[in-house]
Amino acid sequence: MEWYLKCIRLYAEFNGRARRKEYWMFILFNLIFAIIVSVIDTILGSTGIFSIIYALFIFLPSLAVTVRRLHDTGRSGWWLLIGLVPLIGIFVLLFYMVQDGDNFDNDFGPNPKELELLE
């Protein structure tokens, strides 16, 4: 849960790097909360208004953590646009997301694993 909250706190921070663990824990909790909100919408019989509000709330943090994750693998955030390519784009993006980050400082900042060890 701390990883999810970290991404929420850094909701518009597109600079720096995000570890693989930070990204995937954010995705996991985002999925859990989206399911909960969807169930609430169904129980209340609403037209999905809570799901829409949650999607708007989480859009910018999701974008930011994905860009930071790309930075961790040494890629520009513009690589996010490859997900728009039909069929193969999403798989290329998924491949980048599961790769281990650079084990050294890169153009986007210091290695977040090393920073965590120092704390």
PDB file of N, CA and C in Angstrom:
ATOM      1  N   MET A   1       0.817  -1.191   0.000  1.00  0.00           N
ATOM      2  CA  MET A   1       0.000   0.000   0.000  1.00  0.00           C
ATOM      3  C   MET A   1       0.863   1.257   0.000  1.00  0.00           C
ATOM      4  N   GLU A   2       2.052   1.170   0.620  1.00  0.00           N
ATOM      5  CA  GLU A   2       2.928   2.341   0.674  1.00  0.00           C
ATOM      6  C   GLU A   2       3.383   2.760  -0.719  1.00  0.00           C
ATOM      7  N   TRP A   3       3.549   1.794  -1.624  1.00  0.00           N
ATOM      8  CA  TRP A   3       3.962   2.113  -3.001  1.00  0.00           C
ATOM      9  C   TRP A   3       2.855   2.861  -3.724  1.00  0.00           C
ATOM     10  N   TYR A   4       1.621   2.448  -3.506  1.00  0.00           N
ATOM     11  CA  TYR A   4       0.470   3.116  -4.120  1.00  0.00           C
ATOM     12  C   TYR A   4       0.397   4.558  -3.635  1.00  0.00           C
ATOM     13  N   LEU A   5       0.508   4.742  -2.329  1.00  0.00           N
ATOM     14  CA  LEU A   5       0.435   6.083  -1.760  1.00  0.00           C
ATOM     15  C   LEU A   5       1.607   6.951  -2.208  1.00  0.00           C
ATOM     16  N   LYS A   6       2.770   6.341  -2.386  1.00  0.00           N
ATOM     17  CA  LYS A   6       3.931   7.089  -2.886  1.00  0.00           C
ATOM     18  C   LYS A   6       3.632   7.634  -4.279  1.00  0.00           C
ATOM     19  N   CYS A   7       3.029   6.807  -5.122  1.00  0.00           N
ATOM     20  CA  CYS A   7       2.689   7.255  -6.475  1.00  0.00           C
ATOM     21  C   CYS A   7       1.623   8.338  -6.450  1.00  0.00           C
ATOM     22  N   ILE A   8       0.708   8.266  -5.511  1.00  0.00           N
ATOM     23  CA  ILE A   8      -0.313   9.300  -5.381  1.00  0.00           C
ATOM     24  C   ILE A   8       0.338  10.608  -4.937  1.00  0.00           C
ATOM     25  N   ARG A   9       1.274  10.530  -3.987  1.00  0.00           N
ATOM     26  CA  ARG A   9       1.973  11.737  -3.531  1.00  0.00           C
ATOM     27  C   ARG A   9       2.784  12.368  -4.659  1.00  0.00           C
ATOM     28  N   LEU A  10       3.369  11.533  -5.525  1.00  0.00           N
ATOM     29  CA  LEU A  10       4.155  12.023  -6.659  1.00  0.00           C
ATOM     30  C   LEU A  10       3.297  12.073  -7.921  1.00  0.00           C
ATOM     31  N   TYR A  11       2.043  12.483  -7.775  1.00  0.00           N
ATOM     32  CA  TYR A  11       1.055  12.331  -8.839  1.00  0.00           C
ATOM     33  C   TYR A  11       1.423  13.006 -10.150  1.00  0.00           C
ATOM     34  N   ALA A  12       2.201  14.073 -10.114  1.00  0.00           N
ATOM     35  CA  ALA A  12       2.558  14.769 -11.353  1.00  0.00           C
ATOM     36  C   ALA A  12       4.072  14.868 -11.507  1.00  0.00           C
ATOM     37  N   GLU A  13       4.796  13.969 -10.878  1.00  0.00           N
ATOM     38  CA  GLU A  13       6.261  13.967 -10.952  1.00  0.00           C
ATOM     39  C   GLU A  13       6.701  13.035 -12.071  1.00  0.00           C
ATOM     40  N   PHE A  14       7.075  13.626 -13.187  1.00  0.00           N
ATOM     41  CA  PHE A  14       7.490  12.852 -14.350  1.00  0.00           C
ATOM     42  C   PHE A  14       9.002  12.709 -14.430  1.00  0.00           C
ATOM     43  N   ASN A  15       9.715  13.343 -13.519  1.00  0.00           N
ATOM     44  CA  ASN A  15      11.175  13.238 -13.487  1.00  0.00           C
ATOM     45  C   ASN A  15      11.589  12.147 -12.521  1.00  0.00           C
ATOM     46  N   GLY A  16      12.745  11.577 -12.749  1.00  0.00           N
ATOM     47  CA  GLY A  16      13.252  10.548 -11.863  1.00  0.00           C
ATOM     48  C   GLY A  16      12.937   9.155 -12.370  1.00  0.00           C
ATOM     49  N   ARG A  17      13.088   8.198 -11.477  1.00  0.00           N
ATOM     50  CA  ARG A  17      12.944   6.797 -11.840  1.00  0.00           C
ATOM     51  C   ARG A  17      12.039   6.082 -10.850  1.00  0.00           C
ATOM     52  N   ALA A  18      11.338   5.062 -11.332  1.00  0.00           N
ATOM     53  CA  ALA A  18      10.482   4.241 -10.483  1.00  0.00           C
ATOM     54  C   ALA A  18      10.919   2.792 -10.619  1.00  0.00           C
ATOM     55  N   ARG A  19      11.168   2.147  -9.504  1.00  0.00           N
ATOM     56  CA  ARG A  19      11.543   0.739  -9.512  1.00  0.00           C
ATOM     57  C   ARG A  19      10.415  -0.126 -10.059  1.00  0.00           C
ATOM     58  N   ARG A  20      10.776  -1.315 -10.464  1.00  0.00           N
ATOM     59  CA  ARG A  20       9.794  -2.276 -10.950  1.00  0.00           C
ATOM     60  C   ARG A  20       8.762  -2.566  -9.863  1.00  0.00           C
ATOM     61  N   LYS A  21       9.226  -2.734  -8.635  1.00  0.00           N
ATOM     62  CA  LYS A  21       8.333  -3.033  -7.518  1.00  0.00           C
ATOM     63  C   LYS A  21       7.330  -1.897  -7.299  1.00  0.00           C
ATOM     64  N   GLU A  22       7.809  -0.666  -7.344  1.00  0.00           N
ATOM     65  CA  GLU A  22       6.928   0.492  -7.169  1.00  0.00           C
ATOM     66  C   GLU A  22       5.843   0.491  -8.245  1.00  0.00           C
ATOM     67  N   TYR A  23       6.207   0.272  -9.487  1.00  0.00           N
ATOM     68  CA  TYR A  23       5.248   0.295 -10.591  1.00  0.00           C
ATOM     69  C   TYR A  23       4.208  -0.811 -10.450  1.00  0.00           C
ATOM     70  N   TRP A  24       4.661  -2.044 -10.236  1.00  0.00           N
ATOM     71  CA  TRP A  24       3.719  -3.168 -10.209  1.00  0.00           C
ATOM     72  C   TRP A  24       2.855  -3.188  -8.959  1.00  0.00           C
ATOM     73  N   MET A  25       3.364  -2.695  -7.831  1.00  0.00           N
ATOM     74  CA  MET A  25       2.518  -2.587  -6.642  1.00  0.00           C
ATOM     75  C   MET A  25       1.458  -1.507  -6.849  1.00  0.00           C
ATOM     76  N   PHE A  26       1.825  -0.436  -7.527  1.00  0.00           N
ATOM     77  CA  PHE A  26       0.836   0.591  -7.863  1.00  0.00           C
ATOM     78  C   PHE A  26      -0.249   0.008  -8.766  1.00  0.00           C
ATOM     79  N   ILE A  27       0.153  -0.757  -9.767  1.00  0.00           N
ATOM     80  CA  ILE A  27      -0.804  -1.375 -10.688  1.00  0.00           C
ATOM     81  C   ILE A  27      -1.727  -2.336  -9.930  1.00  0.00           C
ATOM     82  N   LEU A  28      -1.164  -3.133  -9.027  1.00  0.00           N
ATOM     83  CA  LEU A  28      -1.956  -4.084  -8.255  1.00  0.00           C
ATOM     84  C   LEU A  28      -3.020  -3.376  -7.415  1.00  0.00           C
ATOM     85  N   PHE A  29      -2.615  -2.379  -6.636  1.00  0.00           N
ATOM     86  CA  PHE A  29      -3.571  -1.679  -5.790  1.00  0.00           C
ATOM     87  C   PHE A  29      -4.555  -0.854  -6.612  1.00  0.00           C
ATOM     88  N   ASN A  30      -4.111  -0.334  -7.730  1.00  0.00           N
ATOM     89  CA  ASN A  30      -5.015   0.383  -8.625  1.00  0.00           C
ATOM     90  C   ASN A  30      -6.108  -0.552  -9.129  1.00  0.00           C
ATOM     91  N   LEU A  31      -5.741  -1.765  -9.498  1.00  0.00           N
ATOM     92  CA  LEU A  31      -6.715  -2.755  -9.961  1.00  0.00           C
ATOM     93  C   LEU A  31      -7.696  -3.122  -8.846  1.00  0.00           C
ATOM     94  N   ILE A  32      -7.175  -3.330  -7.641  1.00  0.00           N
ATOM     95  CA  ILE A  32      -8.033  -3.665  -6.495  1.00  0.00           C
ATOM     96  C   ILE A  32      -9.034  -2.547  -6.233  1.00  0.00           C
ATOM     97  N   PHE A  33      -8.556  -1.297  -6.202  1.00  0.00           N
ATOM     98  CA  PHE A  33      -9.455  -0.172  -5.942  1.00  0.00           C
ATOM     99  C   PHE A  33     -10.457   0.018  -7.073  1.00  0.00           C
ATOM    100  N   ALA A  34     -10.043  -0.210  -8.306  1.00  0.00           N
ATOM    101  CA  ALA A  34     -10.966  -0.088  -9.441  1.00  0.00           C
ATOM    102  C   ALA A  34     -12.084  -1.122  -9.341  1.00  0.00           C
ATOM    103  N   ILE A  35     -11.755  -2.330  -8.915  1.00  0.00           N
ATOM    104  CA  ILE A  35     -12.774  -3.368  -8.741  1.00  0.00           C
ATOM    105  C   ILE A  35     -13.729  -2.988  -7.618  1.00  0.00           C
ATOM    106  N   ILE A  36     -13.186  -2.478  -6.512  1.00  0.00           N
ATOM    107  CA  ILE A  36     -14.027  -2.061  -5.387  1.00  0.00           C
ATOM    108  C   ILE A  36     -14.982  -0.947  -5.808  1.00  0.00           C
ATOM    109  N   VAL A  37     -14.472   0.035  -6.536  1.00  0.00           N
ATOM    110  CA  VAL A  37     -15.309   1.143  -6.989  1.00  0.00           C
ATOM    111  C   VAL A  37     -16.375   0.646  -7.958  1.00  0.00           C
ATOM    112  N   SER A  38     -16.017  -0.294  -8.802  1.00  0.00           N
ATOM    113  CA  SER A  38     -16.981  -0.867  -9.745  1.00  0.00           C
ATOM    114  C   SER A  38     -18.097  -1.618  -9.013  1.00  0.00           C
ATOM    115  N   VAL A  39     -17.720  -2.349  -7.972  1.00  0.00           N
ATOM    116  CA  VAL A  39     -18.719  -3.059  -7.166  1.00  0.00           C
ATOM    117  C   VAL A  39     -19.638  -2.060  -6.465  1.00  0.00           C
ATOM    118  N   ILE A  40     -19.078  -0.987  -5.945  1.00  0.00           N
ATOM    119  CA  ILE A  40     -19.889   0.053  -5.304  1.00  0.00           C
ATOM    120  C   ILE A  40     -20.871   0.653  -6.311  1.00  0.00           C
ATOM    121  N   ASP A  41     -20.389   0.916  -7.531  1.00  0.00           N
ATOM    122  CA  ASP A  41     -21.274   1.423  -8.581  1.00  0.00           C
ATOM    123  C   ASP A  41     -22.423   0.458  -8.850  1.00  0.00           C
ATOM    124  N   THR A  42     -22.111  -0.823  -8.894  1.00  0.00           N
ATOM    125  CA  THR A  42     -23.132  -1.834  -9.169  1.00  0.00           C
ATOM    126  C   THR A  42     -24.142  -1.921  -8.031  1.00  0.00           C
ATOM    127  N   ILE A  43     -23.649  -1.915  -6.796  1.00  0.00           N
ATOM    128  CA  ILE A  43     -24.537  -2.007  -5.634  1.00  0.00           C
ATOM    129  C   ILE A  43     -25.477  -0.803  -5.566  1.00  0.00           C
ATOM    130  N   LEU A  44     -24.944   0.369  -5.823  1.00  0.00           N
ATOM    131  CA  LEU A  44     -25.757   1.586  -5.753  1.00  0.00           C
ATOM    132  C   LEU A  44     -26.616   1.780  -6.996  1.00  0.00           C
ATOM    133  N   GLY A  45     -26.343   1.001  -8.027  1.00  0.00           N
ATOM    134  CA  GLY A  45     -27.120   1.125  -9.259  1.00  0.00           C
ATOM    135  C   GLY A  45     -26.838   2.410 -10.013  1.00  0.00           C
ATOM    136  N   SER A  46     -25.671   2.987  -9.776  1.00  0.00           N
ATOM    137  CA  SER A  46     -25.323   4.227 -10.469  1.00  0.00           C
ATOM    138  C   SER A  46     -24.870   3.905 -11.893  1.00  0.00           C
ATOM    139  N   THR A  47     -24.698   4.933 -12.665  1.00  0.00           N
ATOM    140  CA  THR A  47     -24.311   4.751 -14.065  1.00  0.00           C
ATOM    141  C   THR A  47     -22.798   4.698 -14.239  1.00  0.00           C
ATOM    142  N   GLY A  48     -22.092   4.364 -13.190  1.00  0.00           N
ATOM    143  CA  GLY A  48     -20.637   4.281 -13.258  1.00  0.00           C
ATOM    144  C   GLY A  48     -19.950   5.572 -12.893  1.00  0.00           C
ATOM    145  N   ILE A  49     -20.650   6.459 -12.210  1.00  0.00           N
ATOM    146  CA  ILE A  49     -20.092   7.767 -11.883  1.00  0.00           C
ATOM    147  C   ILE A  49     -18.873   7.660 -10.963  1.00  0.00           C
ATOM    148  N   PHE A  50     -18.904   6.721 -10.018  1.00  0.00           N
ATOM    149  CA  PHE A  50     -17.758   6.575  -9.109  1.00  0.00           C
ATOM    150  C   PHE A  50     -16.546   6.013  -9.847  1.00  0.00           C
ATOM    151  N   SER A  51     -16.785   5.133 -10.784  1.00  0.00           N
ATOM    152  CA  SER A  51     -15.687   4.593 -11.599  1.00  0.00           C
ATOM    153  C   SER A  51     -15.061   5.688 -12.461  1.00  0.00           C
ATOM    154  N   ILE A  52     -15.887   6.554 -12.996  1.00  0.00           N
ATOM    155  CA  ILE A  52     -15.381   7.660 -13.807  1.00  0.00           C
ATOM    156  C   ILE A  52     -14.562   8.617 -12.947  1.00  0.00           C
ATOM    157  N   ILE A  53     -15.061   8.924 -11.760  1.00  0.00           N
ATOM    158  CA  ILE A  53     -14.331   9.819 -10.848  1.00  0.00           C
ATOM    159  C   ILE A  53     -12.992   9.200 -10.468  1.00  0.00           C
ATOM    160  N   TYR A  54     -12.991   7.897 -10.141  1.00  0.00           N
ATOM    161  CA  TYR A  54     -11.737   7.239  -9.781  1.00  0.00           C
ATOM    162  C   TYR A  54     -10.769   7.237 -10.965  1.00  0.00           C
ATOM    163  N   ALA A  55     -11.270   6.970 -12.161  1.00  0.00           N
ATOM    164  CA  ALA A  55     -10.414   6.950 -13.351  1.00  0.00           C
ATOM    165  C   ALA A  55      -9.784   8.327 -13.592  1.00  0.00           C
ATOM    166  N   LEU A  56     -10.553   9.377 -13.397  1.00  0.00           N
ATOM    167  CA  LEU A  56     -10.003  10.728 -13.552  1.00  0.00           C
ATOM    168  C   LEU A  56      -8.976  11.039 -12.472  1.00  0.00           C
ATOM    169  N   PHE A  57      -9.250  10.572 -11.262  1.00  0.00           N
ATOM    170  CA  PHE A  57      -8.338  10.790 -10.139  1.00  0.00           C
ATOM    171  C   PHE A  57      -6.997  10.089 -10.356  1.00  0.00           C
ATOM    172  N   ILE A  58      -7.023   8.897 -10.910  1.00  0.00           N
ATOM    173  CA  ILE A  58      -5.827   8.058 -10.991  1.00  0.00           C
ATOM    174  C   ILE A  58      -5.078   8.211 -12.316  1.00  0.00           C
ATOM    175  N   PHE A  59      -5.649   8.928 -13.272  1.00  0.00           N
ATOM    176  CA  PHE A  59      -5.037   9.036 -14.594  1.00  0.00           C
ATOM    177  C   PHE A  59      -3.633   9.631 -14.548  1.00  0.00           C
ATOM    178  N   LEU A  60      -3.478  10.798 -13.944  1.00  0.00           N
ATOM    179  CA  LEU A  60      -2.183  11.462 -13.904  1.00  0.00           C
ATOM    180  C   LEU A  60      -1.142  10.680 -13.106  1.00  0.00           C
ATOM    181  N   PRO A  61      -1.464  10.144 -11.912  1.00  0.00           N
ATOM    182  CA  PRO A  61      -0.471   9.321 -11.210  1.00  0.00           C
ATOM    183  C   PRO A  61      -0.050   8.085 -12.020  1.00  0.00           C
ATOM    184  N   SER A  62      -0.982   7.477 -12.743  1.00  0.00           N
ATOM    185  CA  SER A  62      -0.646   6.306 -13.563  1.00  0.00           C
ATOM    186  C   SER A  62       0.314   6.680 -14.680  1.00  0.00           C
ATOM    187  N   LEU A  63       0.036   7.795 -15.307  1.00  0.00           N
ATOM    188  CA  LEU A  63       0.898   8.276 -16.378  1.00  0.00           C
ATOM    189  C   LEU A  63       2.294   8.590 -15.841  1.00  0.00           C
ATOM    190  N   ALA A  64       2.350   9.262 -14.704  1.00  0.00           N
ATOM    191  CA  ALA A  64       3.638   9.664 -14.121  1.00  0.00           C
ATOM    192  C   ALA A  64       4.469   8.453 -13.710  1.00  0.00           C
ATOM    193  N   VAL A  65       3.876   7.470 -13.060  1.00  0.00           N
ATOM    194  CA  VAL A  65       4.652   6.311 -12.621  1.00  0.00           C
ATOM    195  C   VAL A  65       5.108   5.482 -13.823  1.00  0.00           C
ATOM    196  N   THR A  66       4.324   5.456 -14.875  1.00  0.00           N
ATOM    197  CA  THR A  66       4.737   4.728 -16.074  1.00  0.00           C
ATOM    198  C   THR A  66       5.921   5.414 -16.745  1.00  0.00           C
ATOM    199  N   VAL A  67       5.900   6.724 -16.805  1.00  0.00           N
ATOM    200  CA  VAL A  67       7.031   7.460 -17.376  1.00  0.00           C
ATOM    201  C   VAL A  67       8.272   7.256 -16.523  1.00  0.00           C
ATOM    202  N   ARG A  68       8.116   7.331 -15.201  1.00  0.00           N
ATOM    203  CA  ARG A  68       9.277   7.104 -14.324  1.00  0.00           C
ATOM    204  C   ARG A  68       9.806   5.681 -14.459  1.00  0.00           C
ATOM    205  N   ARG A  69       8.908   4.716 -14.686  1.00  0.00           N
ATOM    206  CA  ARG A  69       9.339   3.322 -14.885  1.00  0.00           C
ATOM    207  C   ARG A  69      10.133   3.202 -16.176  1.00  0.00           C
ATOM    208  N   LEU A  70       9.688   3.869 -17.234  1.00  0.00           N
ATOM    209  CA  LEU A  70      10.449   3.875 -18.484  1.00  0.00           C
ATOM    210  C   LEU A  70      11.818   4.516 -18.268  1.00  0.00           C
ATOM    211  N   HIS A  71      11.871   5.576 -17.483  1.00  0.00           N
ATOM    212  CA  HIS A  71      13.144   6.214 -17.168  1.00  0.00           C
ATOM    213  C   HIS A  71      14.083   5.239 -16.470  1.00  0.00           C
ATOM    214  N   ASP A  72      13.543   4.383 -15.613  1.00  0.00           N
ATOM    215  CA  ASP A  72      14.382   3.424 -14.889  1.00  0.00           C
ATOM    216  C   ASP A  72      15.048   2.438 -15.846  1.00  0.00           C
ATOM    217  N   THR A  73      14.401   2.162 -16.964  1.00  0.00           N
ATOM    218  CA  THR A  73      14.996   1.251 -17.949  1.00  0.00           C
ATOM    219  C   THR A  73      15.823   1.997 -18.985  1.00  0.00           C
ATOM    220  N   GLY A  74      16.035   3.295 -18.776  1.00  0.00           N
ATOM    221  CA  GLY A  74      16.880   4.081 -19.668  1.00  0.00           C
ATOM    222  C   GLY A  74      16.154   4.606 -20.895  1.00  0.00           C
ATOM    223  N   ARG A  75      14.836   4.608 -20.874  1.00  0.00           N
ATOM    224  CA  ARG A  75      14.062   5.073 -22.025  1.00  0.00           C
ATOM    225  C   ARG A  75      13.339   6.377 -21.687  1.00  0.00           C
ATOM    226  N   SER A  76      13.107   7.153 -22.713  1.00  0.00           N
ATOM    227  CA  SER A  76      12.354   8.391 -22.560  1.00  0.00           C
ATOM    228  C   SER A  76      10.890   8.071 -22.293  1.00  0.00           C
ATOM    229  N   GLY A  77      10.212   8.986 -21.647  1.00  0.00           N
ATOM    230  CA  GLY A  77       8.791   8.821 -21.397  1.00  0.00           C
ATOM    231  C   GLY A  77       7.964   8.801 -22.673  1.00  0.00           C
ATOM    232  N   TRP A  78       8.524   9.320 -23.748  1.00  0.00           N
ATOM    233  CA  TRP A  78       7.823   9.303 -25.032  1.00  0.00           C
ATOM    234  C   TRP A  78       7.584   7.886 -25.534  1.00  0.00           C
ATOM    235  N   TRP A  79       8.328   6.905 -25.022  1.00  0.00           N
ATOM    236  CA  TRP A  79       8.097   5.506 -25.413  1.00  0.00           C
ATOM    237  C   TRP A  79       6.715   5.032 -24.977  1.00  0.00           C
ATOM    238  N   LEU A  80       6.082   5.741 -24.090  1.00  0.00           N
ATOM    239  CA  LEU A  80       4.723   5.405 -23.674  1.00  0.00           C
ATOM    240  C   LEU A  80       3.767   5.402 -24.867  1.00  0.00           C
ATOM    241  N   LEU A  81       4.050   6.237 -25.844  1.00  0.00           N
ATOM    242  CA  LEU A  81       3.191   6.334 -27.027  1.00  0.00           C
ATOM    243  C   LEU A  81       3.212   5.069 -27.885  1.00  0.00           C
ATOM    244  N   ILE A  82       4.200   4.199 -27.686  1.00  0.00           N
ATOM    245  CA  ILE A  82       4.227   2.955 -28.464  1.00  0.00           C
ATOM    246  C   ILE A  82       3.016   2.086 -28.138  1.00  0.00           C
ATOM    247  N   GLY A  83       2.424   2.304 -26.981  1.00  0.00           N
ATOM    248  CA  GLY A  83       1.222   1.567 -26.609  1.00  0.00           C
ATOM    249  C   GLY A  83       0.042   1.863 -27.524  1.00  0.00           C
ATOM    250  N   LEU A  84       0.119   2.930 -28.298  1.00  0.00           N
ATOM    251  CA  LEU A  84      -0.947   3.279 -29.238  1.00  0.00           C
ATOM    252  C   LEU A  84      -0.869   2.487 -30.544  1.00  0.00           C
ATOM    253  N   VAL A  85       0.258   1.817 -30.779  1.00  0.00           N
ATOM    254  CA  VAL A  85       0.400   1.015 -31.993  1.00  0.00           C
ATOM    255  C   VAL A  85      -0.456  -0.245 -31.834  1.00  0.00           C
ATOM    256  N   PRO A  86      -1.372  -0.485 -32.767  1.00  0.00           N
ATOM    257  CA  PRO A  86      -2.255  -1.652 -32.632  1.00  0.00           C
ATOM    258  C   PRO A  86      -1.486  -2.967 -32.545  1.00  0.00           C
ATOM    259  N   LEU A  87      -1.987  -3.855 -31.733  1.00  0.00           N
ATOM    260  CA  LEU A  87      -1.494  -5.217 -31.526  1.00  0.00           C
ATOM    261  C   LEU A  87      -0.142  -5.302 -30.847  1.00  0.00           C
ATOM    262  N   ILE A  88       0.911  -4.777 -31.440  1.00  0.00           N
ATOM    263  CA  ILE A  88       2.244  -5.006 -30.865  1.00  0.00           C
ATOM    264  C   ILE A  88       2.649  -3.953 -29.836  1.00  0.00           C
ATOM    265  N   GLY A  89       2.068  -2.769 -29.908  1.00  0.00           N
ATOM    266  CA  GLY A  89       2.487  -1.674 -29.033  1.00  0.00           C
ATOM    267  C   GLY A  89       2.364  -1.998 -27.561  1.00  0.00           C
ATOM    268  N   ILE A  90       1.263  -2.581 -27.160  1.00  0.00           N
ATOM    269  CA  ILE A  90       1.042  -2.888 -25.747  1.00  0.00           C
ATOM    270  C   ILE A  90       2.005  -3.962 -25.256  1.00  0.00           C
ATOM    271  N   PHE A  91       2.362  -4.884 -26.142  1.00  0.00           N
ATOM    272  CA  PHE A  91       3.308  -5.932 -25.754  1.00  0.00           C
ATOM    273  C   PHE A  91       4.728  -5.388 -25.618  1.00  0.00           C
ATOM    274  N   VAL A  92       5.094  -4.460 -26.477  1.00  0.00           N
ATOM    275  CA  VAL A  92       6.407  -3.812 -26.359  1.00  0.00           C
ATOM    276  C   VAL A  92       6.476  -3.044 -25.051  1.00  0.00           C
ATOM    277  N   LEU A  93       5.414  -2.314 -24.743  1.00  0.00           N
ATOM    278  CA  LEU A  93       5.366  -1.549 -23.498  1.00  0.00           C
ATOM    279  C   LEU A  93       5.417  -2.472 -22.286  1.00  0.00           C
ATOM    280  N   LEU A  94       4.693  -3.570 -22.343  1.00  0.00           N
ATOM    281  CA  LEU A  94       4.722  -4.553 -21.248  1.00  0.00           C
ATOM    282  C   LEU A  94       6.132  -5.119 -21.074  1.00  0.00           C
ATOM    283  N   PHE A  95       6.809  -5.393 -22.172  1.00  0.00           N
ATOM    284  CA  PHE A  95       8.186  -5.886 -22.115  1.00  0.00           C
ATOM    285  C   PHE A  95       9.087  -4.885 -21.400  1.00  0.00           C
ATOM    286  N   TYR A  96       8.919  -3.603 -21.703  1.00  0.00           N
ATOM    287  CA  TYR A  96       9.726  -2.571 -21.046  1.00  0.00           C
ATOM    288  C   TYR A  96       9.407  -2.485 -19.557  1.00  0.00           C
ATOM    289  N   MET A  97       8.151  -2.676 -19.191  1.00  0.00           N
ATOM    290  CA  MET A  97       7.744  -2.556 -17.797  1.00  0.00           C
ATOM    291  C   MET A  97       8.264  -3.702 -16.927  1.00  0.00           C
ATOM    292  N   VAL A  98       8.453  -4.892 -17.506  1.00  0.00           N
ATOM    293  CA  VAL A  98       8.921  -6.025 -16.708  1.00  0.00           C
ATOM    294  C   VAL A  98      10.436  -6.128 -16.664  1.00  0.00           C
ATOM    295  N   GLN A  99      11.131  -5.346 -17.481  1.00  0.00           N
ATOM    296  CA  GLN A  99      12.590  -5.373 -17.461  1.00  0.00           C
ATOM    297  C   GLN A  99      13.126  -4.775 -16.171  1.00  0.00           C
ATOM    298  N   ASP A 100      14.283  -5.289 -15.749  1.00  0.00           N
ATOM    299  CA  ASP A 100      14.959  -4.713 -14.595  1.00  0.00           C
ATOM    300  C   ASP A 100      15.512  -3.351 -14.997  1.00  0.00           C
ATOM    301  N   GLY A 101      15.531  -2.427 -14.062  1.00  0.00           N
ATOM    302  CA  GLY A 101      16.061  -1.099 -14.338  1.00  0.00           C
ATOM    303  C   GLY A 101      17.572  -1.110 -14.463  1.00  0.00           C
ATOM    304  N   ASP A 102      18.111  -0.004 -14.942  1.00  0.00           N
ATOM    305  CA  ASP A 102      19.558   0.140 -15.038  1.00  0.00           C
ATOM    306  C   ASP A 102      20.164   0.059 -13.640  1.00  0.00           C
ATOM    307  N   ASN A 103      21.249  -0.676 -13.511  1.00  0.00           N
ATOM    308  CA  ASN A 103      21.897  -0.847 -12.207  1.00  0.00           C
ATOM    309  C   ASN A 103      22.857   0.288 -11.879  1.00  0.00           C
ATOM    310  N   PHE A 104      22.822   1.327 -12.670  1.00  0.00           N
ATOM    311  CA  PHE A 104      23.721   2.453 -12.497  1.00  0.00           C
ATOM    312  C   PHE A 104      22.914   3.732 -12.719  1.00  0.00           C
ATOM    313  N   ASP A 105      23.527   4.851 -12.405  1.00  0.00           N
ATOM    314  CA  ASP A 105      22.866   6.120 -12.678  1.00  0.00           C
ATOM    315  C   ASP A 105      22.713   6.271 -14.185  1.00  0.00           C
ATOM    316  N   ASN A 106      21.572   6.802 -14.611  1.00  0.00           N
ATOM    317  CA  ASN A 106      21.402   7.066 -16.031  1.00  0.00           C
ATOM    318  C   ASN A 106      21.007   8.528 -16.222  1.00  0.00           C
ATOM    319  N   ASP A 107      20.610   8.893 -17.425  1.00  0.00           N
ATOM    320  CA  ASP A 107      20.268  10.292 -17.723  1.00  0.00           C
ATOM    321  C   ASP A 107      19.091  10.808 -16.907  1.00  0.00           C
ATOM    322  N   PHE A 108      18.319   9.905 -16.326  1.00  0.00           N
ATOM    323  CA  PHE A 108      17.102  10.299 -15.635  1.00  0.00           C
ATOM    324  C   PHE A 108      17.248  10.319 -14.117  1.00  0.00           C
ATOM    325  N   GLY A 109      18.419   9.971 -13.625  1.00  0.00           N
ATOM    326  CA  GLY A 109      18.640  10.054 -12.192  1.00  0.00           C
ATOM    327  C   GLY A 109      19.412   8.868 -11.638  1.00  0.00           C
ATOM    328  N   PRO A 110      19.627   8.884 -10.329  1.00  0.00           N
ATOM    329  CA  PRO A 110      20.353   7.787  -9.686  1.00  0.00           C
ATOM    330  C   PRO A 110      19.498   6.528  -9.591  1.00  0.00           C
ATOM    331  N   ASN A 111      20.170   5.414  -9.379  1.00  0.00           N
ATOM    332  CA  ASN A 111      19.497   4.130  -9.244  1.00  0.00           C
ATOM    333  C   ASN A 111      18.624   4.138  -7.988  1.00  0.00           C
ATOM    334  N   PRO A 112      17.305   3.958  -8.107  1.00  0.00           N
ATOM    335  CA  PRO A 112      16.435   4.005  -6.924  1.00  0.00           C
ATOM    336  C   PRO A 112      16.682   2.863  -5.946  1.00  0.00           C
ATOM    337  N   LYS A 113      17.222   1.748  -6.414  1.00  0.00           N
ATOM    338  CA  LYS A 113      17.541   0.645  -5.491  1.00  0.00           C
ATOM    339  C   LYS A 113      18.667   1.050  -4.552  1.00  0.00           C
ATOM    340  N   GLU A 114      19.658   1.722  -5.080  1.00  0.00           N
ATOM    341  CA  GLU A 114      20.768   2.176  -4.243  1.00  0.00           C
ATOM    342  C   GLU A 114      20.314   3.243  -3.255  1.00  0.00           C
ATOM    343  N   LEU A 115      19.441   4.129  -3.708  1.00  0.00           N
ATOM    344  CA  LEU A 115      18.922   5.165  -2.804  1.00  0.00           C
ATOM    345  C   LEU A 115      18.141   4.554  -1.651  1.00  0.00           C
ATOM    346  N   GLU A 116      17.406   3.487  -1.933  1.00  0.00           N
ATOM    347  CA  GLU A 116      16.625   2.816  -0.890  1.00  0.00           C
ATOM    348  C   GLU A 116      17.549   2.160   0.131  1.00  0.00           C
ATOM    349  N   LEU A 117      18.678   1.635  -0.321  1.00  0.00           N
ATOM    350  CA  LEU A 117      19.621   0.992   0.597  1.00  0.00           C
ATOM    351  C   LEU A 117      20.279   2.019   1.520  1.00  0.00           C
ATOM    352  N   LEU A 118      20.463   3.239   1.029  1.00  0.00           N
ATOM    353  CA  LEU A 118      21.097   4.278   1.821  1.00  0.00           C
ATOM    354  C   LEU A 118      20.187   4.810   2.920  1.00  0.00           C
ATOM    355  N   GLU A 119      18.878   4.682   2.746  1.00  0.00           N
ATOM    356  CA  GLU A 119      17.940   5.235   3.728  1.00  0.00           C
ATOM    357  C   GLU A 119      17.823   4.389   4.948  1.00  0.00           C
TER     358      GLU A 119
END
